[in-house]
Amino acid sequence: MDSQRTLRRAISCAGIGLHSGRKVGLTLKPAPAGHGIRFQRVDLNGAEIPASVEYVRGVSYATGLAHGEARVETVEHLLAALVSQGVDNVLVELSQPEVPIMDGSAAPFIYLIQEAGTRKLAASRRVLKVRRPVRLEDGDKQMALYPADGFRVTYTISFDHPLIRQQSRTIDLTPDVFAEEIAPARTFGFLKEVEMLRQRGLALGGSLDNAVVLGETGPLNTLRFDDEFVRHKILDAVGDLALVGAPLCGHLVVERGGHALHTAFGRHLLAEADAWDYVDAPVDVRVPVGVAVGPAVAG
């Protein structure tokens, strides 16, 4: 069986919050087996928030968590990086109530994890292996997890924009595949919505340095992939489903998803307890990456 993992050493960075626009300090620290992923607000006397669907308190343009008086926003990109690289246990210290947006993707967090390194712990890793299909629908939006070996994602998006229209991608996720093909995909949004969001106190830290911004006819910055938009949605789904609590084994299929559907599906999956079992992960398998434990932003 495979072992749980944590970081070899602590590592820090600083950035700005996408929605708050405030400077944020972040430190990732090793944690013991069974600790899971936890956020700690060092500016609030060390108040902690477990990375769990139980604590989801916001899904508007980003995923937010809250426990007591403490909250943390925009957690999905960091969570995706951690679980995709097989990090089960880590303490995430924050100096503000939002994870820094960095360049709008998960790639900077992948870099931090690789620089810190990972190490095995003396405890086995459990994988949530689905035995029968689990589905959730919300109008024209739907999400399902089907029995399969490993972790595969099929994601389809549809937007009324000439550059996007409909995009679909199927991908088998491993640490390297995620790092190379999904992590660099940036959050995206629409220029016409920026002012509306800022009037609502959102996207205050958004810029062309941390998001793909779409005008009426095309992007205002250069795309990293032709289908960067659907790749980012896959990134978001991996991060949001990190809130379930164990790596997934199955084929995840999503149509027109977003943070609200992702997190609702996570709760629904856990409630369907007869549909899955916890099994020991095979030796040296860091994925399925599914689960452990954004501006004018469509992503």
Protein backbone atom coordinates (compact mmCIF):
# COMPACT_ATOMS: atom_id res chain seq x y z
CA MET A 1 0.00 0.00 0.00
CA ASP A 2 1.06 3.60 -0.57
CA SER A 3 1.89 6.00 2.26
CA GLN A 4 0.57 9.42 3.14
CA ARG A 5 2.88 12.31 2.31
CA THR A 6 3.78 15.73 3.57
CA LEU A 7 6.40 18.34 2.63
CA ARG A 8 10.07 17.87 3.46
CA ARG A 9 10.43 21.46 4.64
CA ALA A 10 8.49 24.67 5.03
CA ILE A 11 8.39 27.10 2.12
CA SER A 12 6.92 30.60 1.74
CA CYS A 13 5.81 33.08 -0.89
CA ALA A 14 3.87 36.33 -1.14
CA GLY A 15 1.34 37.66 -3.60
CA ILE A 16 -1.97 39.50 -3.78
CA GLY A 17 -5.52 38.32 -3.28
CA LEU A 18 -7.46 38.18 -6.52
CA HIS A 19 -10.65 39.57 -5.05
CA SER A 20 -9.35 41.57 -2.09
CA GLY A 21 -6.34 43.11 -3.87
CA ARG A 22 -4.39 42.87 -0.60
CA LYS A 23 -0.84 41.58 -0.17
CA VAL A 24 -0.82 38.07 1.30
CA GLY A 25 1.96 36.04 2.86
CA LEU A 26 1.67 32.25 2.54
CA THR A 27 3.75 29.50 4.15
CA LEU A 28 3.35 25.77 3.55
CA LYS A 29 4.50 23.66 6.52
CA PRO A 30 4.94 19.90 6.96
CA ALA A 31 2.24 18.17 9.02
CA PRO A 32 1.87 14.70 10.58
CA ALA A 33 -0.14 11.78 9.22
CA GLY A 34 -3.89 12.24 9.56
CA HIS A 35 -3.61 16.02 9.83
CA GLY A 36 -4.98 16.64 6.35
CA ILE A 37 -4.82 20.04 4.70
CA ARG A 38 -5.59 22.91 7.05
CA PHE A 39 -5.51 26.68 6.62
CA GLN A 40 -4.26 28.77 9.52
CA ARG A 41 -4.92 32.51 9.82
CA VAL A 42 -1.80 33.77 11.57
CA ASP A 43 -3.42 37.22 11.71
CA LEU A 44 -6.29 35.75 13.78
CA ASN A 45 -4.33 34.14 16.62
CA GLY A 46 -3.73 31.00 14.59
CA ALA A 47 -7.38 30.11 13.92
CA GLU A 48 -7.55 27.00 11.72
CA ILE A 49 -9.95 26.00 8.95
CA PRO A 50 -9.90 22.37 7.72
CA ALA A 51 -10.02 21.88 3.95
CA SER A 52 -13.36 20.09 3.95
CA VAL A 53 -16.72 20.43 2.17
CA GLU A 54 -18.19 20.79 5.65
CA TYR A 55 -16.68 24.27 5.86
CA VAL A 56 -17.55 25.62 2.40
CA ARG A 57 -19.14 29.04 2.87
CA GLY A 58 -18.77 30.71 -0.51
CA VAL A 59 -18.71 29.65 -4.18
CA SER A 60 -19.12 32.96 -6.02
CA TYR A 61 -16.23 33.28 -8.51
CA ALA A 62 -13.99 31.29 -6.12
CA THR A 63 -14.27 28.72 -3.33
CA GLY A 64 -14.25 29.98 0.25
CA LEU A 65 -14.13 28.20 3.60
CA ALA A 66 -15.06 29.35 7.08
CA HIS A 67 -14.82 27.93 10.61
CA GLY A 68 -16.09 30.06 13.45
CA GLU A 69 -14.98 33.63 12.83
CA ALA A 70 -12.12 32.61 10.53
CA ARG A 71 -12.47 32.38 6.78
CA VAL A 72 -10.26 31.88 3.75
CA GLU A 73 -11.07 32.55 0.11
CA THR A 74 -9.86 31.35 -3.29
CA VAL A 75 -8.50 28.03 -2.04
CA GLU A 76 -9.01 25.94 -5.18
CA HIS A 77 -5.74 26.52 -7.07
CA LEU A 78 -3.53 25.75 -4.09
CA LEU A 79 -5.59 22.68 -3.18
CA ALA A 80 -5.34 21.40 -6.75
CA ALA A 81 -1.56 21.74 -6.67
CA LEU A 82 -1.23 19.98 -3.33
CA VAL A 83 -3.44 16.99 -4.06
CA SER A 84 -2.16 16.57 -7.61
CA GLN A 85 1.36 16.16 -6.26
CA GLY A 86 0.28 13.70 -3.57
CA VAL A 87 0.53 16.00 -0.55
CA ASP A 88 -1.96 14.69 2.01
CA ASN A 89 -0.91 16.63 5.09
CA VAL A 90 0.13 20.28 5.23
CA LEU A 91 -0.48 23.41 7.28
CA VAL A 92 -1.13 26.48 5.12
CA GLU A 93 -0.36 29.67 7.02
CA LEU A 94 -1.95 32.86 5.68
CA SER A 95 -1.60 36.49 6.73
CA GLN A 96 -4.90 37.51 5.08
CA PRO A 97 -8.27 35.82 4.38
CA GLU A 98 -7.39 34.91 0.77
CA VAL A 99 -4.84 32.62 -0.87
CA PRO A 100 -2.62 34.71 -3.20
CA ILE A 101 -3.66 34.41 -6.84
CA MET A 102 -0.04 34.36 -8.15
CA ASP A 103 -0.32 34.15 -11.98
CA GLY A 104 -3.91 32.85 -11.93
CA SER A 105 -2.90 29.21 -12.30
CA ALA A 106 -1.64 26.41 -10.06
CA ALA A 107 1.85 26.39 -11.62
CA PRO A 108 3.52 28.65 -8.98
CA PHE A 109 2.20 26.38 -6.22
CA ILE A 110 3.50 23.31 -8.05
CA TYR A 111 6.90 25.03 -8.10
CA LEU A 112 6.74 25.67 -4.33
CA ILE A 113 5.88 22.01 -3.65
CA GLN A 114 8.69 20.79 -5.88
CA GLU A 115 11.16 23.14 -4.17
CA ALA A 116 10.08 21.98 -0.70
CA GLY A 117 10.03 18.31 -1.71
CA THR A 118 7.77 15.63 -0.27
CA ARG A 119 8.34 12.74 2.11
CA LYS A 120 6.41 9.63 3.10
CA LEU A 121 4.79 9.22 6.50
CA ALA A 122 4.23 6.07 8.54
CA ALA A 123 0.53 5.79 7.65
CA SER A 124 -1.29 4.35 4.66
CA ARG A 125 -3.19 6.46 2.16
CA ARG A 126 -6.85 5.72 1.55
CA VAL A 127 -8.45 6.17 -1.86
CA LEU A 128 -12.17 6.74 -2.37
CA LYS A 129 -13.05 4.19 -5.07
CA VAL A 130 -16.50 4.57 -6.60
CA ARG A 131 -18.41 1.29 -7.13
CA ARG A 132 -21.49 2.63 -8.94
CA PRO A 133 -22.22 5.88 -10.79
CA VAL A 134 -22.98 8.95 -8.68
CA ARG A 135 -24.68 11.86 -10.47
CA LEU A 136 -25.83 15.37 -9.68
CA GLU A 137 -27.78 17.72 -11.99
CA ASP A 138 -28.68 21.39 -11.74
CA GLY A 139 -30.60 22.49 -14.82
CA ASP A 140 -28.26 22.16 -17.81
CA LYS A 141 -25.30 21.59 -15.48
CA GLN A 142 -24.35 18.07 -14.48
CA MET A 143 -21.57 16.16 -12.81
CA ALA A 144 -21.00 12.44 -12.36
CA LEU A 145 -18.39 9.98 -11.15
CA TYR A 146 -18.24 6.54 -12.79
CA PRO A 147 -16.28 3.43 -11.80
CA ALA A 148 -12.82 3.33 -13.39
CA ASP A 149 -9.23 2.55 -12.60
CA GLY A 150 -7.16 5.63 -11.83
CA PHE A 151 -8.55 9.14 -12.04
CA ARG A 152 -9.84 10.45 -15.37
CA VAL A 153 -11.64 13.74 -15.99
CA THR A 154 -13.88 14.65 -18.90
CA TYR A 155 -14.95 18.29 -18.77
CA THR A 156 -17.15 20.26 -21.20
CA ILE A 157 -17.77 24.00 -21.07
CA SER A 158 -20.04 26.27 -23.13
CA PHE A 159 -19.83 30.06 -23.26
CA ASP A 160 -21.44 32.57 -25.60
CA HIS A 161 -18.11 33.97 -26.72
CA PRO A 162 -16.50 33.51 -30.15
CA LEU A 163 -13.19 32.33 -28.70
CA ILE A 164 -14.69 29.69 -26.42
CA ARG A 165 -18.09 28.45 -27.60
CA GLN A 166 -17.78 24.81 -26.56
CA GLN A 167 -14.59 23.15 -25.36
CA SER A 168 -14.18 19.60 -24.09
CA ARG A 169 -11.20 17.64 -22.83
CA THR A 170 -10.60 14.17 -21.39
CA ILE A 171 -7.41 13.55 -19.47
CA ASP A 172 -5.93 10.88 -17.21
CA LEU A 173 -4.29 12.73 -14.34
CA THR A 174 -0.91 11.87 -12.88
CA PRO A 175 1.38 14.26 -11.01
CA ASP A 176 3.43 15.00 -14.13
CA VAL A 177 0.42 15.32 -16.44
CA PHE A 178 -1.28 17.71 -14.05
CA ALA A 179 1.87 19.80 -13.61
CA GLU A 180 2.51 20.08 -17.35
CA GLU A 181 -0.94 20.15 -18.94
CA ILE A 182 -3.39 21.49 -16.35
CA ALA A 183 -1.55 23.51 -13.70
CA PRO A 184 -0.40 26.32 -16.08
CA ALA A 185 -4.00 27.06 -17.23
CA ARG A 186 -5.06 30.43 -15.81
CA THR A 187 -8.35 31.66 -14.45
CA PHE A 188 -10.32 33.67 -16.98
CA GLY A 189 -13.05 36.26 -17.18
CA PHE A 190 -14.78 38.77 -19.40
CA LEU A 191 -13.84 42.43 -19.75
CA LYS A 192 -17.49 43.52 -19.76
CA GLU A 193 -17.95 42.01 -16.28
CA VAL A 194 -14.88 43.52 -14.64
CA GLU A 195 -16.50 46.82 -13.59
CA MET A 196 -19.56 44.99 -12.27
CA LEU A 197 -17.38 42.72 -10.16
CA ARG A 198 -15.32 45.57 -8.78
CA GLN A 199 -18.47 47.43 -7.76
CA ARG A 200 -19.29 44.32 -5.73
CA GLY A 201 -15.85 44.35 -4.12
CA LEU A 202 -14.53 41.46 -6.21
CA ALA A 203 -11.59 41.09 -8.63
CA LEU A 204 -9.85 44.08 -6.99
CA GLY A 205 -6.48 42.38 -7.49
CA GLY A 206 -7.23 41.09 -10.98
CA SER A 207 -5.00 42.07 -13.90
CA LEU A 208 -3.53 40.71 -17.10
CA ASP A 209 -0.72 39.33 -14.94
CA ASN A 210 -3.02 36.89 -13.16
CA ALA A 211 -5.96 36.16 -15.46
CA VAL A 212 -6.92 35.68 -19.08
CA VAL A 213 -9.28 38.56 -19.86
CA LEU A 214 -11.59 38.26 -22.85
CA GLY A 215 -12.81 41.24 -24.84
CA GLU A 216 -15.62 41.08 -27.37
CA THR A 217 -13.50 39.46 -30.07
CA GLY A 218 -10.60 37.80 -28.27
CA PRO A 219 -8.22 37.68 -25.31
CA LEU A 220 -6.28 40.72 -24.16
CA ASN A 221 -3.29 38.50 -23.38
CA THR A 222 -1.65 35.49 -25.00
CA LEU A 223 -3.12 32.06 -24.34
CA ARG A 224 -0.89 29.26 -23.03
CA PHE A 225 -3.09 26.59 -24.64
CA ASP A 226 -5.74 26.76 -27.35
CA ASP A 227 -8.16 25.22 -24.86
CA GLU A 228 -6.82 26.96 -21.76
CA PHE A 229 -10.37 27.66 -20.57
CA VAL A 230 -11.51 24.06 -20.20
CA ARG A 231 -8.12 23.09 -18.78
CA HIS A 232 -8.60 25.67 -16.05
CA LYS A 233 -12.04 24.27 -15.29
CA ILE A 234 -10.42 20.86 -14.78
CA LEU A 235 -7.93 22.53 -12.42
CA ASP A 236 -10.80 24.07 -10.46
CA ALA A 237 -12.64 20.75 -10.23
CA VAL A 238 -9.55 18.98 -8.86
CA GLY A 239 -9.08 21.72 -6.26
CA ASP A 240 -12.74 21.87 -5.23
CA LEU A 241 -12.99 18.10 -4.92
CA ALA A 242 -9.92 18.15 -2.70
CA LEU A 243 -12.46 19.08 -0.04
CA VAL A 244 -13.88 15.54 -0.01
CA GLY A 245 -11.02 14.11 2.01
CA ALA A 246 -9.37 11.28 0.06
CA PRO A 247 -7.99 10.72 -3.45
CA LEU A 248 -10.67 9.68 -5.95
CA CYS A 249 -10.61 6.61 -8.12
CA GLY A 250 -13.09 6.92 -10.98
CA HIS A 251 -14.01 8.81 -14.14
CA LEU A 252 -15.30 12.31 -13.38
CA VAL A 253 -17.57 13.79 -16.07
CA VAL A 254 -18.64 17.44 -15.84
CA GLU A 255 -20.78 19.59 -18.13
CA ARG A 256 -21.03 23.35 -17.56
CA GLY A 257 -19.62 23.08 -14.06
CA GLY A 258 -18.33 25.67 -11.63
CA HIS A 259 -17.42 26.03 -7.97
CA ALA A 260 -21.03 25.69 -6.79
CA LEU A 261 -21.60 22.45 -8.68
CA HIS A 262 -18.17 21.03 -7.79
CA THR A 263 -18.62 21.52 -4.05
CA ALA A 264 -22.27 20.42 -4.10
CA PHE A 265 -21.17 17.25 -5.86
CA GLY A 266 -18.51 16.68 -3.21
CA ARG A 267 -21.17 16.78 -0.49
CA HIS A 268 -23.50 14.58 -2.57
CA LEU A 269 -20.76 12.02 -3.17
CA LEU A 270 -20.00 11.67 0.53
CA ALA A 271 -23.72 11.29 1.28
CA GLU A 272 -23.97 8.40 -1.22
CA ALA A 273 -21.94 6.18 1.10
CA ASP A 274 -23.17 2.94 -0.47
CA ALA A 275 -21.67 3.97 -3.83
CA TRP A 276 -18.01 3.84 -2.82
CA ASP A 277 -15.45 2.31 -0.51
CA TYR A 278 -12.18 3.44 1.00
CA VAL A 279 -9.36 1.22 -0.26
CA ASP A 280 -5.62 1.28 0.28
CA ALA A 281 -3.79 3.12 -2.48
CA PRO A 282 -1.33 0.95 -4.45
CA VAL A 283 2.36 1.33 -3.67
CA ASP A 284 4.00 4.42 -5.18
CA VAL A 285 0.79 5.71 -6.73
CA ARG A 286 0.44 9.40 -5.89
CA VAL A 287 -2.73 9.75 -7.91
CA PRO A 288 -5.66 9.50 -8.65
CA VAL A 289 -5.31 13.16 -7.70
CA GLY A 290 -9.00 13.83 -7.32
CA VAL A 291 -9.33 14.79 -3.75
CA ALA A 292 -7.55 15.00 -0.44
CA VAL A 293 -8.68 15.78 2.67
CA GLY A 294 -10.92 32.56 -10.77
CA PRO A 295 -11.54 37.15 -11.91
CA ALA A 296 -14.49 38.11 -13.83
CA VAL A 297 -13.76 34.93 -13.18
CA ALA A 298 -15.40 32.16 -14.83
CA GLY A 299 -12.73 29.85 -13.55
